[in-house]
Amino acid sequence: MPDESFWLVLAAALYLGAAILALVEAARRREGYGATLLLLATAVAANSVYIVLRWQRLDHGPYVDLHETLASSVWGYHFALLLAGLFFKRVRPMLAAVLPVLLILVAWGLFVPARDSLLPITYNTIWLPIHVLLGKVFIGCIIVAAGLGLVVLMRSLARAMGKGDDAVLRFAAMPGDKALDELAFRFVLVGFLFDTLMLIAGAIWAQDAWGRYWDWDPLETWSFLTWVTVAFYLHLRITKRPTPVVGAGLVIVIFVVAFMTFFRVPFLSQAAHQGVV
């Protein structure tokens, strides 16, 4: 079997191919996106092989350093989009908007050194992988919701420029803005549940590792800020019913705050659990 690096490069190439193919299928007004989904599934499979091989060799999950976090996050986010495409056929054109953006993470993961990492003693608990898995599900839901919001915003921009709903990557084939707004709301709602469970699992892990449930270190503070941002969106969405464009903008804000929490703060702060997201 080829070594680990082969599977990582192969996965990156397939992700790139899926993004390009999604753009081509959108430009040709195709609605099935079967070829894109097939290529995306193959990329996720290659990414899975890389993670499993590295996990077996190092004897710990992909959550210790930045490279492992990126590899597992790229896998999780694309897997979430794959599931959304499989179970929600009418939103498949969203792939043409989101997959090219995720190539930033794919490229980042390729250029971060893949050093062998050691599992610190404080990480040797079942609560850490539970905490990480819940976080992956949360951000996966937010990725899908942000993709739907991005379509709403691109449609709005096209209308403002007088180019019509189908001027931007033929998104007119998707449901209307209100339907996309409702679907994005549901994904955020599910994500909020997993975000809450993630914080609870993280607190249990912190008590087991350092003898305290919460310490307001930078990552914990940003995690709480993310939770508050999602809660604010849900409260506003339920009580005030903002327009789809406003709702889409708020979902993008949630994604930006969550991205900062998952990919900036852990690797710049000196928190005790630095790098674990």
C-alpha atoms as a PDB file:
ATOM      1  CA  MET A   1       0.000   0.000   0.000  1.00  0.00           C
ATOM      2  CA  PRO A   2       1.273   3.539  -0.747  1.00  0.00           C
ATOM      3  CA  ASP A   3       2.499   5.563   2.227  1.00  0.00           C
ATOM      4  CA  GLU A   4       0.537   8.202   4.112  1.00  0.00           C
ATOM      5  CA  SER A   5       1.668  11.182   2.062  1.00  0.00           C
ATOM      6  CA  PHE A   6       0.366   9.606  -1.161  1.00  0.00           C
ATOM      7  CA  TRP A   7      -3.174   9.436   0.225  1.00  0.00           C
ATOM      8  CA  LEU A   8      -3.024  13.024   1.471  1.00  0.00           C
ATOM      9  CA  VAL A   9      -1.904  14.349  -1.926  1.00  0.00           C
ATOM     10  CA  LEU A  10      -4.450  12.148  -3.709  1.00  0.00           C
ATOM     11  CA  ALA A  11      -7.245  13.452  -1.475  1.00  0.00           C
ATOM     12  CA  ALA A  12      -6.183  17.049  -2.153  1.00  0.00           C
ATOM     13  CA  ALA A  13      -6.152  16.455  -5.908  1.00  0.00           C
ATOM     14  CA  LEU A  14      -9.598  14.864  -5.759  1.00  0.00           C
ATOM     15  CA  TYR A  15     -10.986  17.741  -3.678  1.00  0.00           C
ATOM     16  CA  LEU A  16      -9.649  20.135  -6.304  1.00  0.00           C
ATOM     17  CA  GLY A  17     -11.228  18.056  -9.053  1.00  0.00           C
ATOM     18  CA  ALA A  18     -14.578  17.983  -7.234  1.00  0.00           C
ATOM     19  CA  ALA A  19     -14.551  21.777  -6.845  1.00  0.00           C
ATOM     20  CA  ILE A  20     -13.770  22.303 -10.538  1.00  0.00           C
ATOM     21  CA  LEU A  21     -16.367  19.767 -11.614  1.00  0.00           C
ATOM     22  CA  ALA A  22     -19.001  21.432  -9.408  1.00  0.00           C
ATOM     23  CA  LEU A  23     -18.319  24.741 -11.147  1.00  0.00           C
ATOM     24  CA  VAL A  24     -18.578  23.072 -14.565  1.00  0.00           C
ATOM     25  CA  GLU A  25     -21.852  21.334 -13.698  1.00  0.00           C
ATOM     26  CA  ALA A  26     -23.259  24.603 -12.342  1.00  0.00           C
ATOM     27  CA  ALA A  27     -22.290  26.487 -15.501  1.00  0.00           C
ATOM     28  CA  ARG A  28     -24.019  23.824 -17.582  1.00  0.00           C
ATOM     29  CA  ARG A  29     -27.203  24.089 -15.466  1.00  0.00           C
ATOM     30  CA  ARG A  30     -27.037  20.490 -14.344  1.00  0.00           C
ATOM     31  CA  GLU A  31     -29.097  19.632 -11.283  1.00  0.00           C
ATOM     32  CA  GLY A  32     -27.971  16.106 -10.442  1.00  0.00           C
ATOM     33  CA  TYR A  33     -24.302  16.794  -9.654  1.00  0.00           C
ATOM     34  CA  GLY A  34     -23.747  13.034  -9.655  1.00  0.00           C
ATOM     35  CA  ALA A  35     -20.197  13.272 -11.012  1.00  0.00           C
ATOM     36  CA  THR A  36     -19.270  15.893  -8.411  1.00  0.00           C
ATOM     37  CA  LEU A  37     -20.672  13.806  -5.576  1.00  0.00           C
ATOM     38  CA  LEU A  38     -18.853  10.709  -6.822  1.00  0.00           C
ATOM     39  CA  LEU A  39     -15.551  12.550  -6.987  1.00  0.00           C
ATOM     40  CA  LEU A  40     -16.195  14.128  -3.596  1.00  0.00           C
ATOM     41  CA  ALA A  41     -16.932  10.716  -2.074  1.00  0.00           C
ATOM     42  CA  THR A  42     -13.684   9.353  -3.534  1.00  0.00           C
ATOM     43  CA  ALA A  43     -11.766  12.296  -2.069  1.00  0.00           C
ATOM     44  CA  VAL A  44     -13.307  11.719   1.357  1.00  0.00           C
ATOM     45  CA  ALA A  45     -12.374   8.028   1.110  1.00  0.00           C
ATOM     46  CA  ALA A  46      -8.733   8.862   0.291  1.00  0.00           C
ATOM     47  CA  ASN A  47      -8.689  11.373   3.148  1.00  0.00           C
ATOM     48  CA  SER A  48     -10.066   8.648   5.436  1.00  0.00           C
ATOM     49  CA  VAL A  49      -7.266   6.255   4.480  1.00  0.00           C
ATOM     50  CA  TYR A  50      -4.681   8.917   5.313  1.00  0.00           C
ATOM     51  CA  ILE A  51      -6.212   9.575   8.742  1.00  0.00           C
ATOM     52  CA  VAL A  52      -6.509   5.870   9.574  1.00  0.00           C
ATOM     53  CA  LEU A  53      -2.920   5.084   8.540  1.00  0.00           C
ATOM     54  CA  ARG A  54      -1.558   7.979  10.592  1.00  0.00           C
ATOM     55  CA  TRP A  55      -3.771   7.044  13.540  1.00  0.00           C
ATOM     56  CA  GLN A  56      -2.530   3.452  13.481  1.00  0.00           C
ATOM     57  CA  ARG A  57       1.119   4.501  13.294  1.00  0.00           C
ATOM     58  CA  LEU A  58       1.008   7.172  16.004  1.00  0.00           C
ATOM     59  CA  ASP A  59      -1.589   5.408  18.180  1.00  0.00           C
ATOM     60  CA  HIS A  60      -3.747   8.488  18.722  1.00  0.00           C
ATOM     61  CA  GLY A  61      -6.501  10.345  16.916  1.00  0.00           C
ATOM     62  CA  PRO A  62      -6.070  13.303  14.546  1.00  0.00           C
ATOM     63  CA  TYR A  63      -6.374  16.093  17.115  1.00  0.00           C
ATOM     64  CA  VAL A  64      -2.962  16.860  18.621  1.00  0.00           C
ATOM     65  CA  ASP A  65      -1.298  19.339  16.244  1.00  0.00           C
ATOM     66  CA  LEU A  66      -2.333  21.732  13.476  1.00  0.00           C
ATOM     67  CA  HIS A  67      -1.659  19.302  10.617  1.00  0.00           C
ATOM     68  CA  GLU A  68      -3.812  16.584  12.162  1.00  0.00           C
ATOM     69  CA  THR A  69      -6.547  19.087  12.961  1.00  0.00           C
ATOM     70  CA  LEU A  70      -6.594  20.319   9.376  1.00  0.00           C
ATOM     71  CA  ALA A  71      -6.589  16.798   7.928  1.00  0.00           C
ATOM     72  CA  SER A  72      -9.516  15.703  10.083  1.00  0.00           C
ATOM     73  CA  SER A  73     -11.385  18.988   9.620  1.00  0.00           C
ATOM     74  CA  VAL A  74     -11.065  18.863   5.830  1.00  0.00           C
ATOM     75  CA  TRP A  75     -12.421  15.324   5.998  1.00  0.00           C
ATOM     76  CA  GLY A  76     -15.311  16.282   8.285  1.00  0.00           C
ATOM     77  CA  TYR A  77     -16.409  19.366   6.380  1.00  0.00           C
ATOM     78  CA  HIS A  78     -16.402  17.651   3.004  1.00  0.00           C
ATOM     79  CA  PHE A  79     -18.198  14.647   4.490  1.00  0.00           C
ATOM     80  CA  ALA A  80     -20.897  17.001   5.809  1.00  0.00           C
ATOM     81  CA  LEU A  81     -21.307  18.520   2.339  1.00  0.00           C
ATOM     82  CA  LEU A  82     -21.418  15.037   0.814  1.00  0.00           C
ATOM     83  CA  LEU A  83     -24.250  14.018   3.159  1.00  0.00           C
ATOM     84  CA  ALA A  84     -26.112  17.257   2.453  1.00  0.00           C
ATOM     85  CA  GLY A  85     -25.796  16.630  -1.280  1.00  0.00           C
ATOM     86  CA  LEU A  86     -26.990  13.046  -0.956  1.00  0.00           C
ATOM     87  CA  PHE A  87     -30.020  13.743   1.236  1.00  0.00           C
ATOM     88  CA  PHE A  88     -31.027  17.202  -0.020  1.00  0.00           C
ATOM     89  CA  LYS A  89     -30.913  16.899  -3.802  1.00  0.00           C
ATOM     90  CA  ARG A  90     -32.245  20.377  -4.571  1.00  0.00           C
ATOM     91  CA  VAL A  91     -29.407  22.136  -2.727  1.00  0.00           C
ATOM     92  CA  ARG A  92     -26.628  20.398  -4.642  1.00  0.00           C
ATOM     93  CA  PRO A  93     -25.720  23.522  -6.670  1.00  0.00           C
ATOM     94  CA  MET A  94     -24.476  24.895  -3.334  1.00  0.00           C
ATOM     95  CA  LEU A  95     -21.412  22.681  -3.851  1.00  0.00           C
ATOM     96  CA  ALA A  96     -20.219  25.066  -6.568  1.00  0.00           C
ATOM     97  CA  ALA A  97     -20.118  27.878  -3.999  1.00  0.00           C
ATOM     98  CA  VAL A  98     -18.618  26.017  -1.039  1.00  0.00           C
ATOM     99  CA  LEU A  99     -16.131  23.496  -2.431  1.00  0.00           C
ATOM    100  CA  PRO A 100     -13.843  26.166  -3.977  1.00  0.00           C
ATOM    101  CA  VAL A 101     -13.765  28.000  -0.622  1.00  0.00           C
ATOM    102  CA  LEU A 102     -12.794  24.838   1.262  1.00  0.00           C
ATOM    103  CA  LEU A 103      -9.795  24.450  -1.047  1.00  0.00           C
ATOM    104  CA  ILE A 104      -8.129  27.045   1.204  1.00  0.00           C
ATOM    105  CA  LEU A 105      -8.151  24.529   4.058  1.00  0.00           C
ATOM    106  CA  VAL A 106      -7.042  21.742   1.714  1.00  0.00           C
ATOM    107  CA  ALA A 107      -4.027  23.766   0.551  1.00  0.00           C
ATOM    108  CA  TRP A 108      -3.237  24.847   4.107  1.00  0.00           C
ATOM    109  CA  GLY A 109      -3.189  21.210   5.226  1.00  0.00           C
ATOM    110  CA  LEU A 110      -0.773  20.299   2.446  1.00  0.00           C
ATOM    111  CA  PHE A 111       1.753  22.971   3.415  1.00  0.00           C
ATOM    112  CA  VAL A 112       1.685  22.460   7.194  1.00  0.00           C
ATOM    113  CA  PRO A 113       4.517  20.025   8.136  1.00  0.00           C
ATOM    114  CA  ALA A 114       3.250  16.526   8.954  1.00  0.00           C
ATOM    115  CA  ARG A 115       5.454  15.901  11.981  1.00  0.00           C
ATOM    116  CA  ASP A 116       4.970  12.899  14.245  1.00  0.00           C
ATOM    117  CA  SER A 117       3.077  14.076  17.320  1.00  0.00           C
ATOM    118  CA  LEU A 118       3.008  12.615  20.816  1.00  0.00           C
ATOM    119  CA  LEU A 119      -0.175  12.358  22.870  1.00  0.00           C
ATOM    120  CA  PRO A 120       0.206  14.386  26.104  1.00  0.00           C
ATOM    121  CA  ILE A 121      -0.886  12.643  29.289  1.00  0.00           C
ATOM    122  CA  THR A 122      -3.759  15.097  29.757  1.00  0.00           C
ATOM    123  CA  TYR A 123      -5.168  14.026  26.381  1.00  0.00           C
ATOM    124  CA  ASN A 124      -5.372  10.353  27.348  1.00  0.00           C
ATOM    125  CA  THR A 125      -9.092  10.331  28.178  1.00  0.00           C
ATOM    126  CA  ILE A 126     -12.222   9.206  26.365  1.00  0.00           C
ATOM    127  CA  TRP A 127     -13.726  12.664  26.845  1.00  0.00           C
ATOM    128  CA  LEU A 128     -11.250  14.278  24.456  1.00  0.00           C
ATOM    129  CA  PRO A 129     -12.293  12.340  21.306  1.00  0.00           C
ATOM    130  CA  ILE A 130     -15.938  12.800  22.326  1.00  0.00           C
ATOM    131  CA  HIS A 131     -15.323  16.546  22.691  1.00  0.00           C
ATOM    132  CA  VAL A 132     -13.566  16.691  19.299  1.00  0.00           C
ATOM    133  CA  LEU A 133     -16.202  14.607  17.499  1.00  0.00           C
ATOM    134  CA  LEU A 134     -19.033  16.776  18.783  1.00  0.00           C
ATOM    135  CA  GLY A 135     -17.122  19.836  17.602  1.00  0.00           C
ATOM    136  CA  LYS A 136     -16.700  18.340  14.121  1.00  0.00           C
ATOM    137  CA  VAL A 137     -20.440  17.709  13.843  1.00  0.00           C
ATOM    138  CA  PHE A 138     -21.156  21.262  15.000  1.00  0.00           C
ATOM    139  CA  ILE A 139     -18.860  22.938  12.489  1.00  0.00           C
ATOM    140  CA  GLY A 140     -20.036  20.545   9.761  1.00  0.00           C
ATOM    141  CA  CYS A 141     -23.611  21.764  10.291  1.00  0.00           C
ATOM    142  CA  ILE A 142     -22.398  25.368  10.220  1.00  0.00           C
ATOM    143  CA  ILE A 143     -20.493  24.740   6.959  1.00  0.00           C
ATOM    144  CA  VAL A 144     -23.676  23.518   5.254  1.00  0.00           C
ATOM    145  CA  ALA A 145     -25.733  26.388   6.694  1.00  0.00           C
ATOM    146  CA  ALA A 146     -23.086  28.906   5.595  1.00  0.00           C
ATOM    147  CA  GLY A 147     -23.128  27.407   2.101  1.00  0.00           C
ATOM    148  CA  LEU A 148     -26.886  27.922   1.902  1.00  0.00           C
ATOM    149  CA  GLY A 149     -26.480  31.450   3.238  1.00  0.00           C
ATOM    150  CA  LEU A 150     -23.785  32.161   0.683  1.00  0.00           C
ATOM    151  CA  VAL A 151     -26.170  31.215  -2.117  1.00  0.00           C
ATOM    152  CA  VAL A 152     -28.803  33.601  -0.718  1.00  0.00           C
ATOM    153  CA  LEU A 153     -26.258  36.431  -0.543  1.00  0.00           C
ATOM    154  CA  MET A 154     -24.948  35.759  -4.059  1.00  0.00           C
ATOM    155  CA  ARG A 155     -28.494  35.767  -5.420  1.00  0.00           C
ATOM    156  CA  SER A 156     -29.186  39.056  -3.641  1.00  0.00           C
ATOM    157  CA  LEU A 157     -26.029  40.584  -5.089  1.00  0.00           C
ATOM    158  CA  ALA A 158     -26.966  39.385  -8.579  1.00  0.00           C
ATOM    159  CA  ARG A 159     -30.423  40.941  -8.280  1.00  0.00           C
ATOM    160  CA  ALA A 160     -28.930  44.202  -7.019  1.00  0.00           C
ATOM    161  CA  MET A 161     -26.673  44.268 -10.071  1.00  0.00           C
ATOM    162  CA  GLY A 162     -29.634  43.559 -12.355  1.00  0.00           C
ATOM    163  CA  LYS A 163     -28.323  40.185 -13.517  1.00  0.00           C
ATOM    164  CA  GLY A 164     -31.133  37.956 -12.288  1.00  0.00           C
ATOM    165  CA  ASP A 165     -31.218  34.939  -9.994  1.00  0.00           C
ATOM    166  CA  ASP A 166     -29.393  32.629 -12.395  1.00  0.00           C
ATOM    167  CA  ALA A 167     -26.517  35.001 -13.142  1.00  0.00           C
ATOM    168  CA  VAL A 168     -24.322  33.552 -10.413  1.00  0.00           C
ATOM    169  CA  LEU A 169     -23.514  29.896 -11.091  1.00  0.00           C
ATOM    170  CA  ARG A 170     -27.126  29.077 -12.062  1.00  0.00           C
ATOM    171  CA  PHE A 171     -28.387  29.032  -8.474  1.00  0.00           C
ATOM    172  CA  ALA A 172     -31.940  29.657  -9.684  1.00  0.00           C
ATOM    173  CA  ALA A 173     -32.359  25.853  -9.835  1.00  0.00           C
ATOM    174  CA  MET A 174     -32.243  25.765  -6.042  1.00  0.00           C
ATOM    175  CA  PRO A 175     -35.231  26.444  -3.756  1.00  0.00           C
ATOM    176  CA  GLY A 176     -36.216  30.048  -3.056  1.00  0.00           C
ATOM    177  CA  ASP A 177     -34.437  32.248  -0.528  1.00  0.00           C
ATOM    178  CA  LYS A 178     -37.038  31.643   2.176  1.00  0.00           C
ATOM    179  CA  ALA A 179     -36.726  27.882   1.810  1.00  0.00           C
ATOM    180  CA  LEU A 180     -32.921  28.078   1.965  1.00  0.00           C
ATOM    181  CA  ASP A 181     -33.150  30.362   4.992  1.00  0.00           C
ATOM    182  CA  GLU A 182     -35.377  27.837   6.757  1.00  0.00           C
ATOM    183  CA  LEU A 183     -33.059  24.954   5.914  1.00  0.00           C
ATOM    184  CA  ALA A 184     -30.009  26.923   7.092  1.00  0.00           C
ATOM    185  CA  PHE A 185     -31.853  27.667  10.341  1.00  0.00           C
ATOM    186  CA  ARG A 186     -32.458  23.964  10.906  1.00  0.00           C
ATOM    187  CA  PHE A 187     -28.812  23.101  10.311  1.00  0.00           C
ATOM    188  CA  VAL A 188     -27.723  25.823  12.755  1.00  0.00           C
ATOM    189  CA  LEU A 189     -30.245  24.541  15.298  1.00  0.00           C
ATOM    190  CA  VAL A 190     -28.795  21.019  15.090  1.00  0.00           C
ATOM    191  CA  GLY A 191     -25.294  22.486  15.229  1.00  0.00           C
ATOM    192  CA  PHE A 192     -26.217  24.428  18.384  1.00  0.00           C
ATOM    193  CA  LEU A 193     -27.172  21.183  20.103  1.00  0.00           C
ATOM    194  CA  PHE A 194     -23.807  19.623  19.270  1.00  0.00           C
ATOM    195  CA  ASP A 195     -21.956  22.818  20.217  1.00  0.00           C
ATOM    196  CA  THR A 196     -23.609  22.710  23.646  1.00  0.00           C
ATOM    197  CA  LEU A 197     -22.714  19.042  24.078  1.00  0.00           C
ATOM    198  CA  MET A 198     -19.152  19.830  22.949  1.00  0.00           C
ATOM    199  CA  LEU A 199     -18.772  22.442  25.698  1.00  0.00           C
ATOM    200  CA  ILE A 200     -20.136  20.029  28.304  1.00  0.00           C
ATOM    201  CA  ALA A 201     -17.785  17.236  27.195  1.00  0.00           C
ATOM    202  CA  GLY A 202     -14.885  19.703  27.141  1.00  0.00           C
ATOM    203  CA  ALA A 203     -15.658  20.807  30.696  1.00  0.00           C
ATOM    204  CA  ILE A 204     -15.692  17.187  31.887  1.00  0.00           C
ATOM    205  CA  TRP A 205     -12.365  16.592  30.147  1.00  0.00           C
ATOM    206  CA  ALA A 206     -10.894  19.756  31.722  1.00  0.00           C
ATOM    207  CA  GLN A 207     -11.959  18.618  35.186  1.00  0.00           C
ATOM    208  CA  ASP A 208     -10.364  15.221  34.591  1.00  0.00           C
ATOM    209  CA  ALA A 209      -7.159  16.703  33.140  1.00  0.00           C
ATOM    210  CA  TRP A 210      -6.559  19.867  35.193  1.00  0.00           C
ATOM    211  CA  GLY A 211      -8.975  19.720  38.098  1.00  0.00           C
ATOM    212  CA  ARG A 212     -11.302  22.510  36.920  1.00  0.00           C
ATOM    213  CA  TYR A 213     -14.322  22.620  34.646  1.00  0.00           C
ATOM    214  CA  TRP A 214     -13.756  26.116  33.237  1.00  0.00           C
ATOM    215  CA  ASP A 215     -10.950  28.656  33.428  1.00  0.00           C
ATOM    216  CA  TRP A 216     -11.787  31.319  30.800  1.00  0.00           C
ATOM    217  CA  ASP A 217      -8.561  30.738  28.902  1.00  0.00           C
ATOM    218  CA  PRO A 218      -8.553  32.158  25.325  1.00  0.00           C
ATOM    219  CA  LEU A 219      -9.959  29.033  23.688  1.00  0.00           C
ATOM    220  CA  GLU A 220     -12.663  28.563  26.302  1.00  0.00           C
ATOM    221  CA  THR A 221     -13.602  32.234  26.017  1.00  0.00           C
ATOM    222  CA  TRP A 222     -13.862  32.044  22.231  1.00  0.00           C
ATOM    223  CA  SER A 223     -15.814  28.775  22.482  1.00  0.00           C
ATOM    224  CA  PHE A 224     -18.326  30.516  24.719  1.00  0.00           C
ATOM    225  CA  LEU A 225     -18.419  33.486  22.326  1.00  0.00           C
ATOM    226  CA  THR A 226     -19.226  31.094  19.481  1.00  0.00           C
ATOM    227  CA  TRP A 227     -22.032  29.532  21.532  1.00  0.00           C
ATOM    228  CA  VAL A 228     -23.455  32.979  22.358  1.00  0.00           C
ATOM    229  CA  THR A 229     -23.284  34.012  18.678  1.00  0.00           C
ATOM    230  CA  VAL A 230     -25.261  30.936  17.636  1.00  0.00           C
ATOM    231  CA  ALA A 231     -27.757  31.447  20.468  1.00  0.00           C
ATOM    232  CA  PHE A 232     -28.232  35.097  19.417  1.00  0.00           C
ATOM    233  CA  TYR A 233     -28.926  34.047  15.819  1.00  0.00           C
ATOM    234  CA  LEU A 234     -31.463  31.419  16.911  1.00  0.00           C
ATOM    235  CA  HIS A 235     -33.208  33.866  19.275  1.00  0.00           C
ATOM    236  CA  LEU A 236     -33.381  36.544  16.571  1.00  0.00           C
ATOM    237  CA  ARG A 237     -34.518  34.063  13.946  1.00  0.00           C
ATOM    238  CA  ILE A 238     -37.359  32.768  16.135  1.00  0.00           C
ATOM    239  CA  THR A 239     -38.552  36.076  17.608  1.00  0.00           C
ATOM    240  CA  LYS A 240     -37.927  38.647  14.855  1.00  0.00           C
ATOM    241  CA  ARG A 241     -37.927  36.553  11.664  1.00  0.00           C
ATOM    242  CA  PRO A 242     -35.352  38.663   9.760  1.00  0.00           C
ATOM    243  CA  THR A 243     -35.236  38.597   5.962  1.00  0.00           C
ATOM    244  CA  PRO A 244     -33.374  35.703   4.322  1.00  0.00           C
ATOM    245  CA  VAL A 245     -30.540  38.049   3.379  1.00  0.00           C
ATOM    246  CA  VAL A 246     -30.077  39.209   6.989  1.00  0.00           C
ATOM    247  CA  GLY A 247     -30.338  35.637   8.221  1.00  0.00           C
ATOM    248  CA  ALA A 248     -27.731  34.526   5.682  1.00  0.00           C
ATOM    249  CA  GLY A 249     -25.402  37.298   6.807  1.00  0.00           C
ATOM    250  CA  LEU A 250     -25.733  36.182  10.429  1.00  0.00           C
ATOM    251  CA  VAL A 251     -24.964  32.577   9.488  1.00  0.00           C
ATOM    252  CA  ILE A 252     -21.781  33.748   7.743  1.00  0.00           C
ATOM    253  CA  VAL A 253     -20.861  35.640  10.935  1.00  0.00           C
ATOM    254  CA  ILE A 254     -21.342  32.416  12.913  1.00  0.00           C
ATOM    255  CA  PHE A 255     -19.035  30.615  10.506  1.00  0.00           C
ATOM    256  CA  VAL A 256     -16.341  33.317  10.823  1.00  0.00           C
ATOM    257  CA  VAL A 257     -16.474  33.271  14.638  1.00  0.00           C
ATOM    258  CA  ALA A 258     -16.416  29.455  14.700  1.00  0.00           C
ATOM    259  CA  PHE A 259     -13.501  29.407  12.249  1.00  0.00           C
ATOM    260  CA  MET A 260     -11.533  31.765  14.504  1.00  0.00           C
ATOM    261  CA  THR A 261     -12.305  29.546  17.484  1.00  0.00           C
ATOM    262  CA  PHE A 262     -11.266  26.333  15.761  1.00  0.00           C
ATOM    263  CA  PHE A 263      -8.286  27.462  13.684  1.00  0.00           C
ATOM    264  CA  ARG A 264      -6.793  30.656  15.072  1.00  0.00           C
ATOM    265  CA  VAL A 265      -7.089  30.798  18.857  1.00  0.00           C
ATOM    266  CA  PRO A 266      -5.872  27.243  19.664  1.00  0.00           C
ATOM    267  CA  PHE A 267      -2.611  27.715  17.780  1.00  0.00           C
ATOM    268  CA  LEU A 268      -1.805  31.249  18.945  1.00  0.00           C
ATOM    269  CA  SER A 269      -2.774  31.063  22.606  1.00  0.00           C
ATOM    270  CA  GLN A 270      -0.792  29.341  25.333  1.00  0.00           C
ATOM    271  CA  ALA A 271      -3.824  27.565  26.746  1.00  0.00           C
ATOM    272  CA  ALA A 272      -3.343  24.211  28.429  1.00  0.00           C
ATOM    273  CA  HIS A 273      -5.216  22.440  25.626  1.00  0.00           C
ATOM    274  CA  GLN A 274      -3.485  24.314  22.820  1.00  0.00           C
ATOM    275  CA  GLY A 275      -4.168  22.802  19.425  1.00  0.00           C
ATOM    276  CA  VAL A 276      -7.029  20.515  20.361  1.00  0.00           C
ATOM    277  CA  VAL A 277     -10.132  21.299  18.293  1.00  0.00           C
END
